[in-house]
């Protein structure tokens, strides 16, 4: 699995402090999708990919201002640059285009 698990608020903050690379966070309740795995694998040199299981870490819903899931949020230098709710293929392609 390409996505590193975030299991605390501290690990979440550490991920966001990454400089110079994109940080992709995939928030879910039932595992990371195959599409998200594919994009993360293909772009591992440009993206640090993380996952967070919302059943184990419900506080993240509030930290990331999420209303539904799965949700993919991409950050660069601590700032949100793209968000996709529902992991629709067209949204995932738009996220993939960031890394091209």
PDB file of N, CA and C in Angstrom:
ATOM      1  N   UNK A   1       0.836  -1.184   0.000  1.00  0.00           N
ATOM      2  CA  UNK A   1       0.000   0.000   0.000  1.00  0.00           C
ATOM      3  C   UNK A   1       0.878   1.243   0.000  1.00  0.00           C
ATOM      4  N   UNK A   2       0.542   2.182  -0.830  1.00  0.00           N
ATOM      5  CA  UNK A   2       1.304   3.408  -1.003  1.00  0.00           C
ATOM      6  C   UNK A   2       0.971   4.431   0.075  1.00  0.00           C
ATOM      7  N   UNK A   3      -0.251   4.443   0.541  1.00  0.00           N
ATOM      8  CA  UNK A   3      -0.705   5.452   1.499  1.00  0.00           C
ATOM      9  C   UNK A   3      -0.252   5.118   2.922  1.00  0.00           C
ATOM     10  N   UNK A   4       0.435   6.060   3.558  1.00  0.00           N
ATOM     11  CA  UNK A   4       0.830   5.927   4.957  1.00  0.00           C
ATOM     12  C   UNK A   4      -0.369   6.296   5.815  1.00  0.00           C
ATOM     13  N   UNK A   5      -0.617   5.526   6.859  1.00  0.00           N
ATOM     14  CA  UNK A   5      -1.788   5.798   7.698  1.00  0.00           C
ATOM     15  C   UNK A   5      -1.517   6.929   8.687  1.00  0.00           C
ATOM     16  N   UNK A   6      -2.445   7.864   8.736  1.00  0.00           N
ATOM     17  CA  UNK A   6      -2.424   8.920   9.749  1.00  0.00           C
ATOM     18  C   UNK A   6      -3.320   8.450  10.884  1.00  0.00           C
ATOM     19  N   UNK A   7      -2.770   8.371  12.083  1.00  0.00           N
ATOM     20  CA  UNK A   7      -3.565   7.835  13.186  1.00  0.00           C
ATOM     21  C   UNK A   7      -3.610   8.751  14.399  1.00  0.00           C
ATOM     22  N   UNK A   8      -3.180   9.992  14.221  1.00  0.00           N
ATOM     23  CA  UNK A   8      -3.258  10.955  15.323  1.00  0.00           C
ATOM     24  C   UNK A   8      -3.261  12.366  14.745  1.00  0.00           C
ATOM     25  N   UNK A   9      -3.675  13.310  15.554  1.00  0.00           N
ATOM     26  CA  UNK A   9      -3.650  14.705  15.115  1.00  0.00           C
ATOM     27  C   UNK A   9      -2.216  15.150  14.848  1.00  0.00           C
ATOM     28  N   UNK A  10      -1.282  14.637  15.648  1.00  0.00           N
ATOM     29  CA  UNK A  10       0.130  14.981  15.462  1.00  0.00           C
ATOM     30  C   UNK A  10       0.655  14.489  14.112  1.00  0.00           C
ATOM     31  N   UNK A  11       0.308  13.242  13.744  1.00  0.00           N
ATOM     32  CA  UNK A  11       0.776  12.725  12.455  1.00  0.00           C
ATOM     33  C   UNK A  11       0.149  13.509  11.302  1.00  0.00           C
ATOM     34  N   UNK A  12      -1.085  13.943  11.481  1.00  0.00           N
ATOM     35  CA  UNK A  12      -1.757  14.769  10.479  1.00  0.00           C
ATOM     36  C   UNK A  12      -1.017  16.100  10.306  1.00  0.00           C
ATOM     37  N   UNK A  13      -0.693  16.753  11.407  1.00  0.00           N
ATOM     38  CA  UNK A  13       0.023  18.035  11.349  1.00  0.00           C
ATOM     39  C   UNK A  13       1.416  17.865  10.748  1.00  0.00           C
ATOM     40  N   UNK A  14       2.091  16.767  11.084  1.00  0.00           N
ATOM     41  CA  UNK A  14       3.414  16.503  10.509  1.00  0.00           C
ATOM     42  C   UNK A  14       3.334  16.334   8.994  1.00  0.00           C
ATOM     43  N   UNK A  15       2.308  15.629   8.533  1.00  0.00           N
ATOM     44  CA  UNK A  15       2.130  15.446   7.090  1.00  0.00           C
ATOM     45  C   UNK A  15       1.947  16.790   6.401  1.00  0.00           C
ATOM     46  N   UNK A  16       1.143  17.652   6.993  1.00  0.00           N
ATOM     47  CA  UNK A  16       0.875  18.958   6.381  1.00  0.00           C
ATOM     48  C   UNK A  16       2.091  19.876   6.394  1.00  0.00           C
ATOM     49  N   UNK A  17       3.059  19.590   7.238  1.00  0.00           N
ATOM     50  CA  UNK A  17       4.250  20.440   7.302  1.00  0.00           C
ATOM     51  C   UNK A  17       5.264  20.116   6.202  1.00  0.00           C
ATOM     52  N   UNK A  18       4.988  19.108   5.386  1.00  0.00           N
ATOM     53  CA  UNK A  18       5.873  18.740   4.279  1.00  0.00           C
ATOM     54  C   UNK A  18       6.026  19.916   3.324  1.00  0.00           C
ATOM     55  N   UNK A  19       7.242  20.210   2.956  1.00  0.00           N
ATOM     56  CA  UNK A  19       7.529  21.317   2.037  1.00  0.00           C
ATOM     57  C   UNK A  19       8.072  20.768   0.721  1.00  0.00           C
ATOM     58  N   UNK A  20       7.672  21.383  -0.382  1.00  0.00           N
ATOM     59  CA  UNK A  20       8.239  21.055  -1.681  1.00  0.00           C
ATOM     60  C   UNK A  20       7.588  19.902  -2.417  1.00  0.00           C
ATOM     61  N   UNK A  21       6.706  19.155  -1.776  1.00  0.00           N
ATOM     62  CA  UNK A  21       5.996  18.059  -2.419  1.00  0.00           C
ATOM     63  C   UNK A  21       4.514  18.228  -2.148  1.00  0.00           C
ATOM     64  N   UNK A  22       3.706  17.620  -3.007  1.00  0.00           N
ATOM     65  CA  UNK A  22       2.280  17.564  -2.723  1.00  0.00           C
ATOM     66  C   UNK A  22       2.040  16.561  -1.604  1.00  0.00           C
ATOM     67  N   UNK A  23       1.010  16.807  -0.817  1.00  0.00           N
ATOM     68  CA  UNK A  23       0.574  15.881   0.223  1.00  0.00           C
ATOM     69  C   UNK A  23      -0.872  15.535  -0.091  1.00  0.00           C
ATOM     70  N   UNK A  24      -1.135  14.268  -0.356  1.00  0.00           N
ATOM     71  CA  UNK A  24      -2.474  13.797  -0.664  1.00  0.00           C
ATOM     72  C   UNK A  24      -2.997  13.034   0.541  1.00  0.00           C
ATOM     73  N   UNK A  25      -4.167  13.425   1.016  1.00  0.00           N
ATOM     74  CA  UNK A  25      -4.784  12.726   2.142  1.00  0.00           C
ATOM     75  C   UNK A  25      -6.111  12.157   1.671  1.00  0.00           C
ATOM     76  N   UNK A  26      -6.242  10.845   1.781  1.00  0.00           N
ATOM     77  CA  UNK A  26      -7.441  10.123   1.374  1.00  0.00           C
ATOM     78  C   UNK A  26      -8.175   9.718   2.645  1.00  0.00           C
ATOM     79  N   UNK A  27      -9.320  10.343   2.890  1.00  0.00           N
ATOM     80  CA  UNK A  27     -10.112  10.047   4.085  1.00  0.00           C
ATOM     81  C   UNK A  27     -11.252   9.111   3.698  1.00  0.00           C
ATOM     82  N   UNK A  28     -11.415   8.041   4.455  1.00  0.00           N
ATOM     83  CA  UNK A  28     -12.375   6.999   4.082  1.00  0.00           C
ATOM     84  C   UNK A  28     -12.948   6.326   5.318  1.00  0.00           C
ATOM     85  N   UNK A  29     -13.918   5.462   5.070  1.00  0.00           N
ATOM     86  CA  UNK A  29     -14.439   4.594   6.124  1.00  0.00           C
ATOM     87  C   UNK A  29     -14.336   3.129   5.735  1.00  0.00           C
ATOM     88  N   UNK A  30     -13.883   2.853   4.517  1.00  0.00           N
ATOM     89  CA  UNK A  30     -13.843   1.456   4.078  1.00  0.00           C
ATOM     90  C   UNK A  30     -12.666   1.135   3.165  1.00  0.00           C
ATOM     91  N   UNK A  31     -11.552   1.797   3.336  1.00  0.00           N
ATOM     92  CA  UNK A  31     -10.354   1.485   2.568  1.00  0.00           C
ATOM     93  C   UNK A  31     -10.095   2.452   1.428  1.00  0.00           C
ATOM     94  N   UNK A  32      -8.866   2.450   0.959  1.00  0.00           N
ATOM     95  CA  UNK A  32      -8.426   3.326  -0.126  1.00  0.00           C
ATOM     96  C   UNK A  32      -8.815   2.693  -1.457  1.00  0.00           C
ATOM     97  N   UNK A  33      -9.364   3.500  -2.353  1.00  0.00           N
ATOM     98  CA  UNK A  33      -9.800   2.973  -3.648  1.00  0.00           C
ATOM     99  C   UNK A  33      -8.607   2.594  -4.517  1.00  0.00           C
ATOM    100  N   UNK A  34      -8.855   1.708  -5.464  1.00  0.00           N
ATOM    101  CA  UNK A  34      -7.813   1.290  -6.400  1.00  0.00           C
ATOM    102  C   UNK A  34      -7.318   2.466  -7.239  1.00  0.00           C
ATOM    103  N   UNK A  35      -8.227   3.373  -7.599  1.00  0.00           N
ATOM    104  CA  UNK A  35      -7.849   4.539  -8.403  1.00  0.00           C
ATOM    105  C   UNK A  35      -6.874   5.420  -7.628  1.00  0.00           C
ATOM    106  N   UNK A  36      -7.169   5.667  -6.358  1.00  0.00           N
ATOM    107  CA  UNK A  36      -6.281   6.495  -5.529  1.00  0.00           C
ATOM    108  C   UNK A  36      -4.921   5.825  -5.371  1.00  0.00           C
ATOM    109  N   UNK A  37      -4.910   4.522  -5.185  1.00  0.00           N
ATOM    110  CA  UNK A  37      -3.644   3.788  -5.084  1.00  0.00           C
ATOM    111  C   UNK A  37      -2.828   3.947  -6.368  1.00  0.00           C
ATOM    112  N   UNK A  38      -3.498   3.828  -7.504  1.00  0.00           N
ATOM    113  CA  UNK A  38      -2.820   3.929  -8.801  1.00  0.00           C
ATOM    114  C   UNK A  38      -2.157   5.296  -8.969  1.00  0.00           C
ATOM    115  N   UNK A  39      -2.916   6.366  -8.727  1.00  0.00           N
ATOM    116  CA  UNK A  39      -2.350   7.709  -8.881  1.00  0.00           C
ATOM    117  C   UNK A  39      -1.198   7.943  -7.908  1.00  0.00           C
ATOM    118  N   UNK A  40      -1.325   7.464  -6.698  1.00  0.00           N
ATOM    119  CA  UNK A  40      -0.260   7.662  -5.711  1.00  0.00           C
ATOM    120  C   UNK A  40       0.998   6.896  -6.094  1.00  0.00           C
ATOM    121  N   UNK A  41       0.827   5.677  -6.581  1.00  0.00           N
ATOM    122  CA  UNK A  41       1.974   4.883  -7.027  1.00  0.00           C
ATOM    123  C   UNK A  41       2.691   5.559  -8.187  1.00  0.00           C
ATOM    124  N   UNK A  42       1.923   6.017  -9.162  1.00  0.00           N
ATOM    125  CA  UNK A  42       2.505   6.627 -10.360  1.00  0.00           C
ATOM    126  C   UNK A  42       3.226   7.938 -10.056  1.00  0.00           C
ATOM    127  N   UNK A  43       2.852   8.592  -8.971  1.00  0.00           N
ATOM    128  CA  UNK A  43       3.388   9.922  -8.672  1.00  0.00           C
ATOM    129  C   UNK A  43       4.149   9.979  -7.355  1.00  0.00           C
ATOM    130  N   UNK A  44       4.667   8.854  -6.919  1.00  0.00           N
ATOM    131  CA  UNK A  44       5.330   8.784  -5.611  1.00  0.00           C
ATOM    132  C   UNK A  44       6.515   9.740  -5.492  1.00  0.00           C
ATOM    133  N   UNK A  45       7.122  10.113  -6.615  1.00  0.00           N
ATOM    134  CA  UNK A  45       8.255  11.042  -6.559  1.00  0.00           C
ATOM    135  C   UNK A  45       7.822  12.487  -6.309  1.00  0.00           C
ATOM    136  N   UNK A  46       6.535  12.790  -6.557  1.00  0.00           N
ATOM    137  CA  UNK A  46       6.026  14.155  -6.394  1.00  0.00           C
ATOM    138  C   UNK A  46       5.038  14.302  -5.249  1.00  0.00           C
ATOM    139  N   UNK A  47       4.545  13.163  -4.742  1.00  0.00           N
ATOM    140  CA  UNK A  47       3.439  13.195  -3.783  1.00  0.00           C
ATOM    141  C   UNK A  47       3.722  12.276  -2.605  1.00  0.00           C
ATOM    142  N   UNK A  48       3.496  12.777  -1.400  1.00  0.00           N
ATOM    143  CA  UNK A  48       3.456  11.924  -0.214  1.00  0.00           C
ATOM    144  C   UNK A  48       1.990  11.612   0.028  1.00  0.00           C
ATOM    145  N   UNK A  49       1.632  10.341   0.003  1.00  0.00           N
ATOM    146  CA  UNK A  49       0.234   9.936   0.111  1.00  0.00           C
ATOM    147  C   UNK A  49      -0.063   9.348   1.477  1.00  0.00           C
ATOM    148  N   UNK A  50      -1.184   9.778   2.036  1.00  0.00           N
ATOM    149  CA  UNK A  50      -1.615   9.340   3.357  1.00  0.00           C
ATOM    150  C   UNK A  50      -3.070   8.920   3.293  1.00  0.00           C
ATOM    151  N   UNK A  51      -3.456   8.110   4.247  1.00  0.00           N
ATOM    152  CA  UNK A  51      -4.855   7.742   4.399  1.00  0.00           C
ATOM    153  C   UNK A  51      -5.249   7.919   5.851  1.00  0.00           C
ATOM    154  N   UNK A  52      -6.521   8.175   6.054  1.00  0.00           N
ATOM    155  CA  UNK A  52      -7.034   8.249   7.415  1.00  0.00           C
ATOM    156  C   UNK A  52      -8.389   7.550   7.434  1.00  0.00           C
ATOM    157  N   UNK A  53      -8.524   6.597   8.335  1.00  0.00           N
ATOM    158  CA  UNK A  53      -9.771   5.862   8.515  1.00  0.00           C
ATOM    159  C   UNK A  53     -10.645   6.664   9.473  1.00  0.00           C
ATOM    160  N   UNK A  54     -11.746   7.184   8.961  1.00  0.00           N
ATOM    161  CA  UNK A  54     -12.602   8.056   9.760  1.00  0.00           C
ATOM    162  C   UNK A  54     -13.368   7.320  10.851  1.00  0.00           C
ATOM    163  N   UNK A  55     -13.480   6.002  10.757  1.00  0.00           N
ATOM    164  CA  UNK A  55     -14.120   5.261  11.847  1.00  0.00           C
ATOM    165  C   UNK A  55     -13.203   5.211  13.063  1.00  0.00           C
ATOM    166  N   UNK A  56     -11.894   5.239  12.835  1.00  0.00           N
ATOM    167  CA  UNK A  56     -10.922   5.225  13.932  1.00  0.00           C
ATOM    168  C   UNK A  56     -10.522   6.631  14.371  1.00  0.00           C
ATOM    169  N   UNK A  57     -10.655   7.605  13.481  1.00  0.00           N
ATOM    170  CA  UNK A  57     -10.213   8.982  13.739  1.00  0.00           C
ATOM    171  C   UNK A  57     -11.292   9.984  13.332  1.00  0.00           C
ATOM    172  N   UNK A  58     -12.442   9.954  13.989  1.00  0.00           N
ATOM    173  CA  UNK A  58     -13.547  10.829  13.575  1.00  0.00           C
ATOM    174  C   UNK A  58     -13.242  12.319  13.710  1.00  0.00           C
ATOM    175  N   UNK A  59     -12.286  12.687  14.560  1.00  0.00           N
ATOM    176  CA  UNK A  59     -11.944  14.106  14.737  1.00  0.00           C
ATOM    177  C   UNK A  59     -11.405  14.747  13.457  1.00  0.00           C
ATOM    178  N   UNK A  60     -10.878  13.930  12.552  1.00  0.00           N
ATOM    179  CA  UNK A  60     -10.321  14.453  11.309  1.00  0.00           C
ATOM    180  C   UNK A  60     -11.413  15.089  10.443  1.00  0.00           C
ATOM    181  N   UNK A  61     -12.649  14.594  10.575  1.00  0.00           N
ATOM    182  CA  UNK A  61     -13.757  15.186   9.810  1.00  0.00           C
ATOM    183  C   UNK A  61     -13.843  16.681  10.079  1.00  0.00           C
ATOM    184  N   UNK A  62     -13.628  17.064  11.323  1.00  0.00           N
ATOM    185  CA  UNK A  62     -13.714  18.473  11.698  1.00  0.00           C
ATOM    186  C   UNK A  62     -12.452  19.233  11.285  1.00  0.00           C
ATOM    187  N   UNK A  63     -11.297  18.613  11.459  1.00  0.00           N
ATOM    188  CA  UNK A  63     -10.035  19.261  11.094  1.00  0.00           C
ATOM    189  C   UNK A  63     -10.015  19.590   9.602  1.00  0.00           C
ATOM    190  N   UNK A  64     -10.516  18.664   8.780  1.00  0.00           N
ATOM    191  CA  UNK A  64     -10.484  18.842   7.329  1.00  0.00           C
ATOM    192  C   UNK A  64     -11.797  19.394   6.774  1.00  0.00           C
ATOM    193  N   UNK A  65     -12.740  19.758   7.645  1.00  0.00           N
ATOM    194  CA  UNK A  65     -14.029  20.325   7.228  1.00  0.00           C
ATOM    195  C   UNK A  65     -14.717  19.448   6.185  1.00  0.00           C
ATOM    196  N   UNK A  66     -14.889  18.164   6.525  1.00  0.00           N
ATOM    197  CA  UNK A  66     -15.505  17.214   5.611  1.00  0.00           C
ATOM    198  C   UNK A  66     -16.943  16.956   6.010  1.00  0.00           C
ATOM    199  N   UNK A  67     -17.800  16.862   4.996  1.00  0.00           N
ATOM    200  CA  UNK A  67     -19.201  16.556   5.233  1.00  0.00           C
ATOM    201  C   UNK A  67     -19.581  15.188   4.703  1.00  0.00           C
ATOM    202  N   UNK A  68     -18.808  14.652   3.762  1.00  0.00           N
ATOM    203  CA  UNK A  68     -19.055  13.306   3.255  1.00  0.00           C
ATOM    204  C   UNK A  68     -17.722  12.695   2.835  1.00  0.00           C
ATOM    205  N   UNK A  69     -17.731  11.416   2.543  1.00  0.00           N
ATOM    206  CA  UNK A  69     -16.506  10.702   2.229  1.00  0.00           C
ATOM    207  C   UNK A  69     -16.821   9.524   1.346  1.00  0.00           C
ATOM    208  N   UNK A  70     -15.839   9.022   0.638  1.00  0.00           N
ATOM    209  CA  UNK A  70     -14.434   9.385   0.744  1.00  0.00           C
ATOM    210  C   UNK A  70     -14.181  10.813   0.263  1.00  0.00           C
ATOM    211  N   UNK A  71     -13.153  11.392   0.822  1.00  0.00           N
ATOM    212  CA  UNK A  71     -12.707  12.723   0.432  1.00  0.00           C
ATOM    213  C   UNK A  71     -11.199  12.674   0.225  1.00  0.00           C
ATOM    214  N   UNK A  72     -10.758  13.258  -0.859  1.00  0.00           N
ATOM    215  CA  UNK A  72      -9.332  13.371  -1.139  1.00  0.00           C
ATOM    216  C   UNK A  72      -8.990  14.857  -1.110  1.00  0.00           C
ATOM    217  N   UNK A  73      -7.994  15.200  -0.314  1.00  0.00           N
ATOM    218  CA  UNK A  73      -7.558  16.592  -0.227  1.00  0.00           C
ATOM    219  C   UNK A  73      -6.060  16.633  -0.528  1.00  0.00           C
ATOM    220  N   UNK A  74      -5.675  17.543  -1.413  1.00  0.00           N
ATOM    221  CA  UNK A  74      -4.273  17.704  -1.778  1.00  0.00           C
ATOM    222  C   UNK A  74      -3.780  19.041  -1.235  1.00  0.00           C
ATOM    223  N   UNK A  75      -2.626  18.988  -0.587  1.00  0.00           N
ATOM    224  CA  UNK A  75      -1.989  20.177  -0.020  1.00  0.00           C
ATOM    225  C   UNK A  75      -0.632  20.367  -0.682  1.00  0.00           C
ATOM    226  N   UNK A  76      -0.163  21.595  -0.700  1.00  0.00           N
ATOM    227  CA  UNK A  76       1.210  21.900  -1.127  1.00  0.00           C
ATOM    228  C   UNK A  76       1.720  22.974  -0.184  1.00  0.00           C
ATOM    229  N   UNK A  77       2.831  22.690   0.475  1.00  0.00           N
ATOM    230  CA  UNK A  77       3.431  23.620   1.438  1.00  0.00           C
ATOM    231  C   UNK A  77       2.422  24.061   2.497  1.00  0.00           C
ATOM    232  N   UNK A  78       1.593  23.097   2.949  1.00  0.00           N
ATOM    233  CA  UNK A  78       0.640  23.353   4.024  1.00  0.00           C
ATOM    234  C   UNK A  78      -0.671  23.983   3.609  1.00  0.00           C
ATOM    235  N   UNK A  79      -0.833  24.296   2.319  1.00  0.00           N
ATOM    236  CA  UNK A  79      -2.051  24.947   1.835  1.00  0.00           C
ATOM    237  C   UNK A  79      -2.853  23.984   0.962  1.00  0.00           C
ATOM    238  N   UNK A  80      -4.174  23.950   1.169  1.00  0.00           N
ATOM    239  CA  UNK A  80      -5.027  23.111   0.342  1.00  0.00           C
ATOM    240  C   UNK A  80      -5.049  23.649  -1.085  1.00  0.00           C
ATOM    241  N   UNK A  81      -4.837  22.729  -2.065  1.00  0.00           N
ATOM    242  CA  UNK A  81      -4.866  23.135  -3.467  1.00  0.00           C
ATOM    243  C   UNK A  81      -5.976  22.458  -4.264  1.00  0.00           C
ATOM    244  N   UNK A  82      -6.491  21.335  -3.786  1.00  0.00           N
ATOM    245  CA  UNK A  82      -7.550  20.621  -4.507  1.00  0.00           C
ATOM    246  C   UNK A  82      -8.271  19.695  -3.543  1.00  0.00           C
ATOM    247  N   UNK A  83      -9.581  19.564  -3.766  1.00  0.00           N
ATOM    248  CA  UNK A  83     -10.405  18.679  -2.941  1.00  0.00           C
ATOM    249  C   UNK A  83     -11.364  17.934  -3.856  1.00  0.00           C
ATOM    250  N   UNK A  84     -11.522  16.639  -3.610  1.00  0.00           N
ATOM    251  CA  UNK A  84     -12.476  15.820  -4.356  1.00  0.00           C
ATOM    252  C   UNK A  84     -13.310  15.036  -3.355  1.00  0.00           C
ATOM    253  N   UNK A  85     -14.612  15.174  -3.463  1.00  0.00           N
ATOM    254  CA  UNK A  85     -15.526  14.471  -2.564  1.00  0.00           C
ATOM    255  C   UNK A  85     -16.192  13.355  -3.348  1.00  0.00           C
ATOM    256  N   UNK A  86     -16.163  12.156  -2.791  1.00  0.00           N
ATOM    257  CA  UNK A  86     -16.800  11.025  -3.437  1.00  0.00           C
ATOM    258  C   UNK A  86     -15.894  10.226  -4.353  1.00  0.00           C
ATOM    259  N   UNK A  87     -14.678  10.678  -4.557  1.00  0.00           N
ATOM    260  CA  UNK A  87     -13.688   9.977  -5.392  1.00  0.00           C
ATOM    261  C   UNK A  87     -14.241   9.625  -6.769  1.00  0.00           C
ATOM    262  N   UNK A  88     -14.940  10.576  -7.374  1.00  0.00           N
ATOM    263  CA  UNK A  88     -15.453  10.379  -8.734  1.00  0.00           C
ATOM    264  C   UNK A  88     -14.267  10.332  -9.697  1.00  0.00           C
ATOM    265  N   UNK A  89     -14.355   9.493 -10.726  1.00  0.00           N
ATOM    266  CA  UNK A  89     -13.221   9.362 -11.653  1.00  0.00           C
ATOM    267  C   UNK A  89     -12.747  10.693 -12.236  1.00  0.00           C
ATOM    268  N   UNK A  90     -13.679  11.577 -12.611  1.00  0.00           N
ATOM    269  CA  UNK A  90     -13.259  12.852 -13.206  1.00  0.00           C
ATOM    270  C   UNK A  90     -12.529  13.732 -12.189  1.00  0.00           C
ATOM    271  N   UNK A  91     -12.933  13.664 -10.915  1.00  0.00           N
ATOM    272  CA  UNK A  91     -12.237  14.425  -9.875  1.00  0.00           C
ATOM    273  C   UNK A  91     -10.847  13.856  -9.623  1.00  0.00           C
ATOM    274  N   UNK A  92     -10.744  12.536  -9.640  1.00  0.00           N
ATOM    275  CA  UNK A  92      -9.440  11.903  -9.438  1.00  0.00           C
ATOM    276  C   UNK A  92      -8.503  12.232 -10.605  1.00  0.00           C
ATOM    277  N   UNK A  93      -9.046  12.318 -11.823  1.00  0.00           N
ATOM    278  CA  UNK A  93      -8.221  12.698 -12.973  1.00  0.00           C
ATOM    279  C   UNK A  93      -7.720  14.130 -12.828  1.00  0.00           C
ATOM    280  N   UNK A  94      -8.570  15.015 -12.311  1.00  0.00           N
ATOM    281  CA  UNK A  94      -8.155  16.407 -12.093  1.00  0.00           C
ATOM    282  C   UNK A  94      -7.036  16.477 -11.060  1.00  0.00           C
ATOM    283  N   UNK A  95      -7.134  15.648 -10.032  1.00  0.00           N
ATOM    284  CA  UNK A  95      -6.061  15.595  -9.034  1.00  0.00           C
ATOM    285  C   UNK A  95      -4.794  15.041  -9.672  1.00  0.00           C
ATOM    286  N   UNK A  96      -4.938  13.986 -10.467  1.00  0.00           N
ATOM    287  CA  UNK A  96      -3.787  13.415 -11.159  1.00  0.00           C
ATOM    288  C   UNK A  96      -3.099  14.423 -12.066  1.00  0.00           C
ATOM    289  N   UNK A  97      -3.881  15.326 -12.662  1.00  0.00           N
ATOM    290  CA  UNK A  97      -3.319  16.346 -13.554  1.00  0.00           C
ATOM    291  C   UNK A  97      -2.409  17.313 -12.799  1.00  0.00           C
ATOM    292  N   UNK A  98      -2.650  17.496 -11.507  1.00  0.00           N
ATOM    293  CA  UNK A  98      -1.769  18.348 -10.705  1.00  0.00           C
ATOM    294  C   UNK A  98      -0.337  17.822 -10.704  1.00  0.00           C
ATOM    295  N   UNK A  99      -0.206  16.507 -10.760  1.00  0.00           N
ATOM    296  CA  UNK A  99       1.097  15.869 -10.606  1.00  0.00           C
ATOM    297  C   UNK A  99       1.800  15.623 -11.938  1.00  0.00           C
ATOM    298  N   UNK A 100       1.148  15.961 -13.036  1.00  0.00           N
ATOM    299  CA  UNK A 100       1.715  15.685 -14.371  1.00  0.00           C
ATOM    300  C   UNK A 100       2.874  16.614 -14.681  1.00  0.00           C
TER     301      UNK A 100
END
